[in-house]
PDB file of all heavy atoms in Angstrom:
ATOM      1  N   PRO A   1      42.110 -56.483 -60.658  1.00  0.00           N
ATOM      2  CA  PRO A   1      41.401 -57.309 -61.648  1.00  0.00           C
ATOM      3  C   PRO A   1      42.364 -58.312 -62.295  1.00  0.00           C
ATOM      4  O   PRO A   1      43.548 -58.061 -62.430  1.00  0.00           O
ATOM      5  CB  PRO A   1      40.901 -56.310 -62.687  1.00  0.00           C
ATOM      6  CG  PRO A   1      41.071 -54.957 -62.090  1.00  0.00           C
ATOM      7  CD  PRO A   1      42.045 -55.076 -60.977  1.00  0.00           C
ATOM      8  N   VAL A   2      41.809 -59.439 -62.676  1.00  0.00           N
ATOM      9  CA  VAL A   2      42.602 -60.516 -63.255  1.00  0.00           C
ATOM     10  C   VAL A   2      43.227 -60.085 -64.583  1.00  0.00           C
ATOM     11  O   VAL A   2      44.368 -60.425 -64.875  1.00  0.00           O
ATOM     12  CB  VAL A   2      41.726 -61.784 -63.450  1.00  0.00           C
ATOM     13  CG1 VAL A   2      42.490 -62.879 -64.149  1.00  0.00           C
ATOM     14  CG2 VAL A   2      41.202 -62.265 -62.121  1.00  0.00           C
ATOM     15  N   ASP A   3      42.498 -59.307 -65.371  1.00  0.00           N
ATOM     16  CA  ASP A   3      43.011 -58.890 -66.674  1.00  0.00           C
ATOM     17  C   ASP A   3      44.267 -58.045 -66.544  1.00  0.00           C
ATOM     18  O   ASP A   3      45.211 -58.219 -67.306  1.00  0.00           O
ATOM     19  CB  ASP A   3      41.939 -58.108 -67.448  1.00  0.00           C
ATOM     20  CG  ASP A   3      40.891 -59.035 -68.047  1.00  0.00           C
ATOM     21  OD1 ASP A   3      41.152 -60.255 -68.113  1.00  0.00           O
ATOM     22  OD2 ASP A   3      39.830 -58.525 -68.452  1.00  0.00           O
ATOM     23  N   SER A   4      44.294 -57.117 -65.587  1.00  0.00           N
ATOM     24  CA  SER A   4      45.482 -56.269 -65.448  1.00  0.00           C
ATOM     25  C   SER A   4      46.685 -57.086 -64.966  1.00  0.00           C
ATOM     26  O   SER A   4      47.808 -56.818 -65.370  1.00  0.00           O
ATOM     27  CB  SER A   4      45.208 -55.101 -64.498  1.00  0.00           C
ATOM     28  OG  SER A   4      45.032 -55.578 -63.185  1.00  0.00           O
ATOM     29  N   GLU A   5      46.450 -58.074 -64.118  1.00  0.00           N
ATOM     30  CA  GLU A   5      47.527 -58.955 -63.665  1.00  0.00           C
ATOM     31  C   GLU A   5      48.052 -59.778 -64.835  1.00  0.00           C
ATOM     32  O   GLU A   5      49.263 -59.927 -64.995  1.00  0.00           O
ATOM     33  CB  GLU A   5      47.009 -59.878 -62.546  1.00  0.00           C
ATOM     34  CG  GLU A   5      48.057 -60.805 -61.968  1.00  0.00           C
ATOM     35  CD  GLU A   5      49.131 -60.083 -61.184  1.00  0.00           C
ATOM     36  OE1 GLU A   5      48.903 -58.966 -60.717  1.00  0.00           O
ATOM     37  OE2 GLU A   5      50.233 -60.665 -61.073  1.00  0.00           O
ATOM     38  N   MET A   6      47.143 -60.281 -65.657  1.00  0.00           N
ATOM     39  CA  MET A   6      47.551 -61.062 -66.819  1.00  0.00           C
ATOM     40  C   MET A   6      48.305 -60.173 -67.815  1.00  0.00           C
ATOM     41  O   MET A   6      49.334 -60.577 -68.357  1.00  0.00           O
ATOM     42  CB  MET A   6      46.342 -61.693 -67.508  1.00  0.00           C
ATOM     43  CG  MET A   6      46.752 -62.624 -68.649  1.00  0.00           C
ATOM     44  SD  MET A   6      45.389 -63.452 -69.449  1.00  0.00           S
ATOM     45  CE  MET A   6      44.659 -62.112 -70.340  1.00  0.00           C
ATOM     46  N   ASP A   7      47.833 -58.974 -68.033  1.00  0.00           N
ATOM     47  CA  ASP A   7      48.512 -58.049 -68.950  1.00  0.00           C
ATOM     48  C   ASP A   7      49.923 -57.740 -68.459  1.00  0.00           C
ATOM     49  O   ASP A   7      50.858 -57.646 -69.257  1.00  0.00           O
ATOM     50  CB  ASP A   7      47.716 -56.752 -69.093  1.00  0.00           C
ATOM     51  CG  ASP A   7      46.429 -56.942 -69.883  1.00  0.00           C
ATOM     52  OD1 ASP A   7      46.301 -57.979 -70.573  1.00  0.00           O
ATOM     53  OD2 ASP A   7      45.556 -56.050 -69.804  1.00  0.00           O
ATOM     54  N   ARG A   8      50.070 -57.592 -67.152  1.00  0.00           N
ATOM     55  CA  ARG A   8      51.388 -57.318 -66.583  1.00  0.00           C
ATOM     56  C   ARG A   8      52.330 -58.505 -66.811  1.00  0.00           C
ATOM     57  O   ARG A   8      53.488 -58.334 -67.186  1.00  0.00           O
ATOM     58  CB  ARG A   8      51.251 -57.009 -65.085  1.00  0.00           C
ATOM     59  CG  ARG A   8      52.536 -56.486 -64.444  1.00  0.00           C
ATOM     60  CD  ARG A   8      52.340 -56.132 -62.982  1.00  0.00           C
ATOM     61  NE  ARG A   8      51.979 -57.270 -62.145  1.00  0.00           N
ATOM     62  CZ  ARG A   8      52.831 -58.215 -61.747  1.00  0.00           C
ATOM     63  NH1 ARG A   8      54.077 -58.172 -62.118  1.00  0.00           N
ATOM     64  NH2 ARG A   8      52.425 -59.211 -60.985  1.00  0.00           N
ATOM     65  N   LYS A   9      51.839 -59.721 -66.614  1.00  0.00           N
ATOM     66  CA  LYS A   9      52.641 -60.926 -66.836  1.00  0.00           C
ATOM     67  C   LYS A   9      53.023 -61.065 -68.316  1.00  0.00           C
ATOM     68  O   LYS A   9      54.159 -61.393 -68.643  1.00  0.00           O
ATOM     69  CB  LYS A   9      51.889 -62.187 -66.389  1.00  0.00           C
ATOM     70  CG  LYS A   9      51.839 -62.378 -64.907  1.00  0.00           C
ATOM     71  CD  LYS A   9      53.196 -62.770 -64.422  1.00  0.00           C
ATOM     72  CE  LYS A   9      53.121 -63.123 -62.945  1.00  0.00           C
ATOM     73  NZ  LYS A   9      54.448 -63.253 -62.356  1.00  0.00           N
ATOM     74  N   VAL A  10      52.054 -60.805 -69.200  1.00  0.00           N
ATOM     75  CA  VAL A  10      52.314 -60.886 -70.633  1.00  0.00           C
ATOM     76  C   VAL A  10      53.406 -59.890 -71.012  1.00  0.00           C
ATOM     77  O   VAL A  10      54.339 -60.212 -71.750  1.00  0.00           O
ATOM     78  CB  VAL A  10      51.022 -60.635 -71.444  1.00  0.00           C
ATOM     79  CG1 VAL A  10      51.330 -60.403 -72.915  1.00  0.00           C
ATOM     80  CG2 VAL A  10      50.059 -61.807 -71.283  1.00  0.00           C
ATOM     81  N   LEU A  11      53.311 -58.685 -70.485  1.00  0.00           N
ATOM     82  CA  LEU A  11      54.313 -57.661 -70.767  1.00  0.00           C
ATOM     83  C   LEU A  11      55.687 -58.090 -70.246  1.00  0.00           C
ATOM     84  O   LEU A  11      56.707 -57.892 -70.920  1.00  0.00           O
ATOM     85  CB  LEU A  11      53.892 -56.325 -70.154  1.00  0.00           C
ATOM     86  CG  LEU A  11      54.795 -55.137 -70.462  1.00  0.00           C
ATOM     87  CD1 LEU A  11      54.876 -54.902 -71.963  1.00  0.00           C
ATOM     88  CD2 LEU A  11      54.297 -53.901 -69.750  1.00  0.00           C
ATOM     89  N   GLN A  12      55.730 -58.695 -69.057  1.00  0.00           N
ATOM     90  CA  GLN A  12      56.999 -59.186 -68.502  1.00  0.00           C
ATOM     91  C   GLN A  12      57.625 -60.238 -69.419  1.00  0.00           C
ATOM     92  O   GLN A  12      58.827 -60.190 -69.694  1.00  0.00           O
ATOM     93  CB  GLN A  12      56.784 -59.818 -67.123  1.00  0.00           C
ATOM     94  CG  GLN A  12      56.798 -58.856 -65.976  1.00  0.00           C
ATOM     95  CD  GLN A  12      56.645 -59.614 -64.654  1.00  0.00           C
ATOM     96  OE1 GLN A  12      55.874 -60.564 -64.541  1.00  0.00           O
ATOM     97  NE2 GLN A  12      57.396 -59.176 -63.657  1.00  0.00           N
ATOM     98  N   TYR A  13      56.815 -61.184 -69.886  1.00  0.00           N
ATOM     99  CA  TYR A  13      57.330 -62.241 -70.761  1.00  0.00           C
ATOM    100  C   TYR A  13      57.795 -61.674 -72.100  1.00  0.00           C
ATOM    101  O   TYR A  13      58.834 -62.062 -72.625  1.00  0.00           O
ATOM    102  CB  TYR A  13      56.285 -63.334 -70.982  1.00  0.00           C
ATOM    103  CG  TYR A  13      56.097 -64.240 -69.789  1.00  0.00           C
ATOM    104  CD1 TYR A  13      54.834 -64.483 -69.268  1.00  0.00           C
ATOM    105  CD2 TYR A  13      57.175 -64.872 -69.194  1.00  0.00           C
ATOM    106  CE1 TYR A  13      54.654 -65.325 -68.185  1.00  0.00           C
ATOM    107  CE2 TYR A  13      57.011 -65.714 -68.099  1.00  0.00           C
ATOM    108  CZ  TYR A  13      55.736 -65.933 -67.600  1.00  0.00           C
ATOM    109  OH  TYR A  13      55.575 -66.759 -66.529  1.00  0.00           O
ATOM    110  N   GLU A  14      57.019 -60.759 -72.662  1.00  0.00           N
ATOM    111  CA  GLU A  14      57.411 -60.155 -73.938  1.00  0.00           C
ATOM    112  C   GLU A  14      58.707 -59.368 -73.793  1.00  0.00           C
ATOM    113  O   GLU A  14      59.571 -59.404 -74.670  1.00  0.00           O
ATOM    114  CB  GLU A  14      56.293 -59.256 -74.464  1.00  0.00           C
ATOM    115  CG  GLU A  14      55.097 -60.024 -74.970  1.00  0.00           C
ATOM    116  CD  GLU A  14      53.930 -59.132 -75.352  1.00  0.00           C
ATOM    117  OE1 GLU A  14      53.944 -57.918 -75.005  1.00  0.00           O
ATOM    118  OE2 GLU A  14      53.002 -59.634 -76.002  1.00  0.00           O
ATOM    119  N   THR A  15      58.862 -58.668 -72.675  1.00  0.00           N
ATOM    120  CA  THR A  15      60.086 -57.932 -72.414  1.00  0.00           C
ATOM    121  C   THR A  15      61.258 -58.889 -72.263  1.00  0.00           C
ATOM    122  O   THR A  15      62.349 -58.636 -72.787  1.00  0.00           O
ATOM    123  CB  THR A  15      59.938 -57.073 -71.141  1.00  0.00           C
ATOM    124  OG1 THR A  15      58.818 -56.204 -71.303  1.00  0.00           O
ATOM    125  CG2 THR A  15      61.171 -56.259 -70.869  1.00  0.00           C
ATOM    126  N   PHE A  16      61.042 -59.988 -71.564  1.00  0.00           N
ATOM    127  CA  PHE A  16      62.097 -60.991 -71.387  1.00  0.00           C
ATOM    128  C   PHE A  16      62.537 -61.555 -72.734  1.00  0.00           C
ATOM    129  O   PHE A  16      63.742 -61.712 -72.988  1.00  0.00           O
ATOM    130  CB  PHE A  16      61.601 -62.113 -70.471  1.00  0.00           C
ATOM    131  CG  PHE A  16      62.598 -63.207 -70.256  1.00  0.00           C
ATOM    132  CD1 PHE A  16      63.752 -62.993 -69.514  1.00  0.00           C
ATOM    133  CD2 PHE A  16      62.400 -64.468 -70.816  1.00  0.00           C
ATOM    134  CE1 PHE A  16      64.684 -64.007 -69.320  1.00  0.00           C
ATOM    135  CE2 PHE A  16      63.323 -65.479 -70.630  1.00  0.00           C
ATOM    136  CZ  PHE A  16      64.466 -65.245 -69.876  1.00  0.00           C
ATOM    137  N   ILE A  17      61.575 -61.825 -73.610  1.00  0.00           N
ATOM    138  CA  ILE A  17      61.913 -62.358 -74.935  1.00  0.00           C
ATOM    139  C   ILE A  17      62.748 -61.350 -75.721  1.00  0.00           C
ATOM    140  O   ILE A  17      63.803 -61.671 -76.256  1.00  0.00           O
ATOM    141  CB  ILE A  17      60.640 -62.735 -75.731  1.00  0.00           C
ATOM    142  CG1 ILE A  17      59.988 -63.973 -75.127  1.00  0.00           C
ATOM    143  CG2 ILE A  17      60.972 -62.981 -77.198  1.00  0.00           C
ATOM    144  CD1 ILE A  17      58.638 -64.307 -75.734  1.00  0.00           C
ATOM    145  N   SER A  18      62.270 -60.099 -75.772  1.00  0.00           N
ATOM    146  CA  SER A  18      62.946 -59.118 -76.629  1.00  0.00           C
ATOM    147  C   SER A  18      64.253 -58.598 -76.039  1.00  0.00           C
ATOM    148  O   SER A  18      65.207 -58.363 -76.764  1.00  0.00           O
ATOM    149  CB  SER A  18      62.009 -57.954 -76.938  1.00  0.00           C
ATOM    150  OG  SER A  18      61.670 -57.269 -75.757  1.00  0.00           O
ATOM    151  N   GLU A  19      64.324 -58.419 -74.722  1.00  0.00           N
ATOM    152  CA  GLU A  19      65.508 -57.820 -74.125  1.00  0.00           C
ATOM    153  C   GLU A  19      66.560 -58.834 -73.694  1.00  0.00           C
ATOM    154  O   GLU A  19      67.737 -58.475 -73.575  1.00  0.00           O
ATOM    155  CB  GLU A  19      65.123 -56.946 -72.931  1.00  0.00           C
ATOM    156  CG  GLU A  19      64.359 -55.705 -73.319  1.00  0.00           C
ATOM    157  CD  GLU A  19      64.023 -54.810 -72.138  1.00  0.00           C
ATOM    158  OE1 GLU A  19      64.444 -55.128 -71.008  1.00  0.00           O
ATOM    159  OE2 GLU A  19      63.317 -53.826 -72.349  1.00  0.00           O
ATOM    160  N   VAL A  20      66.177 -60.069 -73.471  1.00  0.00           N
ATOM    161  CA  VAL A  20      67.146 -61.056 -72.996  1.00  0.00           C
ATOM    162  C   VAL A  20      67.383 -62.145 -74.045  1.00  0.00           C
ATOM    163  O   VAL A  20      68.497 -62.291 -74.560  1.00  0.00           O
ATOM    164  CB  VAL A  20      66.691 -61.683 -71.655  1.00  0.00           C
ATOM    165  CG1 VAL A  20      67.655 -62.760 -71.210  1.00  0.00           C
ATOM    166  CG2 VAL A  20      66.564 -60.608 -70.593  1.00  0.00           C
ATOM    167  N   LEU A  21      66.345 -62.889 -74.363  1.00  0.00           N
ATOM    168  CA  LEU A  21      66.534 -64.058 -75.215  1.00  0.00           C
ATOM    169  C   LEU A  21      66.948 -63.695 -76.640  1.00  0.00           C
ATOM    170  O   LEU A  21      67.900 -64.266 -77.173  1.00  0.00           O
ATOM    171  CB  LEU A  21      65.259 -64.904 -75.234  1.00  0.00           C
ATOM    172  CG  LEU A  21      64.894 -65.573 -73.903  1.00  0.00           C
ATOM    173  CD1 LEU A  21      63.591 -66.341 -74.031  1.00  0.00           C
ATOM    174  CD2 LEU A  21      66.006 -66.482 -73.428  1.00  0.00           C
ATOM    175  N   LYS A  22      66.267 -62.737 -77.259  1.00  0.00           N
ATOM    176  CA  LYS A  22      66.624 -62.370 -78.631  1.00  0.00           C
ATOM    177  C   LYS A  22      67.999 -61.711 -78.689  1.00  0.00           C
ATOM    178  O   LYS A  22      68.749 -61.922 -79.642  1.00  0.00           O
ATOM    179  CB  LYS A  22      65.553 -61.465 -79.240  1.00  0.00           C
ATOM    180  CG  LYS A  22      64.291 -62.226 -79.599  1.00  0.00           C
ATOM    181  CD  LYS A  22      63.310 -61.392 -80.363  1.00  0.00           C
ATOM    182  CE  LYS A  22      62.087 -62.234 -80.747  1.00  0.00           C
ATOM    183  NZ  LYS A  22      61.102 -61.454 -81.496  1.00  0.00           N
ATOM    184  N   ARG A  23      68.341 -60.939 -77.672  1.00  0.00           N
ATOM    185  CA  ARG A  23      69.672 -60.316 -77.624  1.00  0.00           C
ATOM    186  C   ARG A  23      70.749 -61.397 -77.479  1.00  0.00           C
ATOM    187  O   ARG A  23      71.771 -61.360 -78.162  1.00  0.00           O
ATOM    188  CB  ARG A  23      69.749 -59.317 -76.473  1.00  0.00           C
ATOM    189  CG  ARG A  23      71.062 -58.535 -76.426  1.00  0.00           C
ATOM    190  CD  ARG A  23      71.191 -57.705 -75.181  1.00  0.00           C
ATOM    191  NE  ARG A  23      71.355 -58.607 -74.036  1.00  0.00           N
ATOM    192  CZ  ARG A  23      70.699 -58.499 -72.891  1.00  0.00           C
ATOM    193  NH1 ARG A  23      69.849 -57.533 -72.703  1.00  0.00           N
ATOM    194  NH2 ARG A  23      70.913 -59.365 -71.921  1.00  0.00           N
ATOM    195  N   ASP A  24      70.509 -62.375 -76.600  1.00  0.00           N
ATOM    196  CA  ASP A  24      71.454 -63.481 -76.424  1.00  0.00           C
ATOM    197  C   ASP A  24      71.616 -64.288 -77.717  1.00  0.00           C
ATOM    198  O   ASP A  24      72.731 -64.659 -78.089  1.00  0.00           O
ATOM    199  CB  ASP A  24      71.005 -64.407 -75.301  1.00  0.00           C
ATOM    200  CG  ASP A  24      71.133 -63.775 -73.919  1.00  0.00           C
ATOM    201  OD1 ASP A  24      71.766 -62.705 -73.810  1.00  0.00           O
ATOM    202  OD2 ASP A  24      70.595 -64.359 -72.959  1.00  0.00           O
ATOM    203  N   LEU A  25      70.501 -64.527 -78.395  1.00  0.00           N
ATOM    204  CA  LEU A  25      70.541 -65.266 -79.656  1.00  0.00           C
ATOM    205  C   LEU A  25      71.360 -64.491 -80.687  1.00  0.00           C
ATOM    206  O   LEU A  25      72.203 -65.074 -81.385  1.00  0.00           O
ATOM    207  CB  LEU A  25      69.126 -65.515 -80.178  1.00  0.00           C
ATOM    208  CG  LEU A  25      69.019 -66.255 -81.506  1.00  0.00           C
ATOM    209  CD1 LEU A  25      69.622 -67.645 -81.402  1.00  0.00           C
ATOM    210  CD2 LEU A  25      67.559 -66.328 -81.950  1.00  0.00           C
ATOM    211  N   GLN A  26      71.155 -63.200 -80.765  1.00  0.00           N
ATOM    212  CA  GLN A  26      71.902 -62.373 -81.712  1.00  0.00           C
ATOM    213  C   GLN A  26      73.401 -62.418 -81.417  1.00  0.00           C
ATOM    214  O   GLN A  26      74.218 -62.558 -82.334  1.00  0.00           O
ATOM    215  CB  GLN A  26      71.391 -60.919 -81.661  1.00  0.00           C
ATOM    216  CG  GLN A  26      72.039 -60.014 -82.678  1.00  0.00           C
ATOM    217  CD  GLN A  26      71.671 -60.368 -84.105  1.00  0.00           C
ATOM    218  OE1 GLN A  26      70.610 -60.926 -84.370  1.00  0.00           O
ATOM    219  NE2 GLN A  26      72.552 -60.076 -85.025  1.00  0.00           N
ATOM    220  N   LYS A  27      73.778 -62.344 -80.153  1.00  0.00           N
ATOM    221  CA  LYS A  27      75.200 -62.394 -79.769  1.00  0.00           C
ATOM    222  C   LYS A  27      75.827 -63.732 -80.157  1.00  0.00           C
ATOM    223  O   LYS A  27      76.942 -63.777 -80.679  1.00  0.00           O
ATOM    224  CB  LYS A  27      75.359 -62.170 -78.265  1.00  0.00           C
ATOM    225  CG  LYS A  27      75.198 -60.743 -77.832  1.00  0.00           C
ATOM    226  CD  LYS A  27      75.397 -60.623 -76.324  1.00  0.00           C
ATOM    227  CE  LYS A  27      75.179 -59.216 -75.836  1.00  0.00           C
ATOM    228  NZ  LYS A  27      75.323 -59.101 -74.376  1.00  0.00           N
TER     229      LYS A  27
END
């Protein structure tokens, strides 16, 4: 289903923001 694919992408982007970008900004 399209919703589960979209939810997976949203989760990937949110993870990228919190685990990569925000960590890099903090450093």
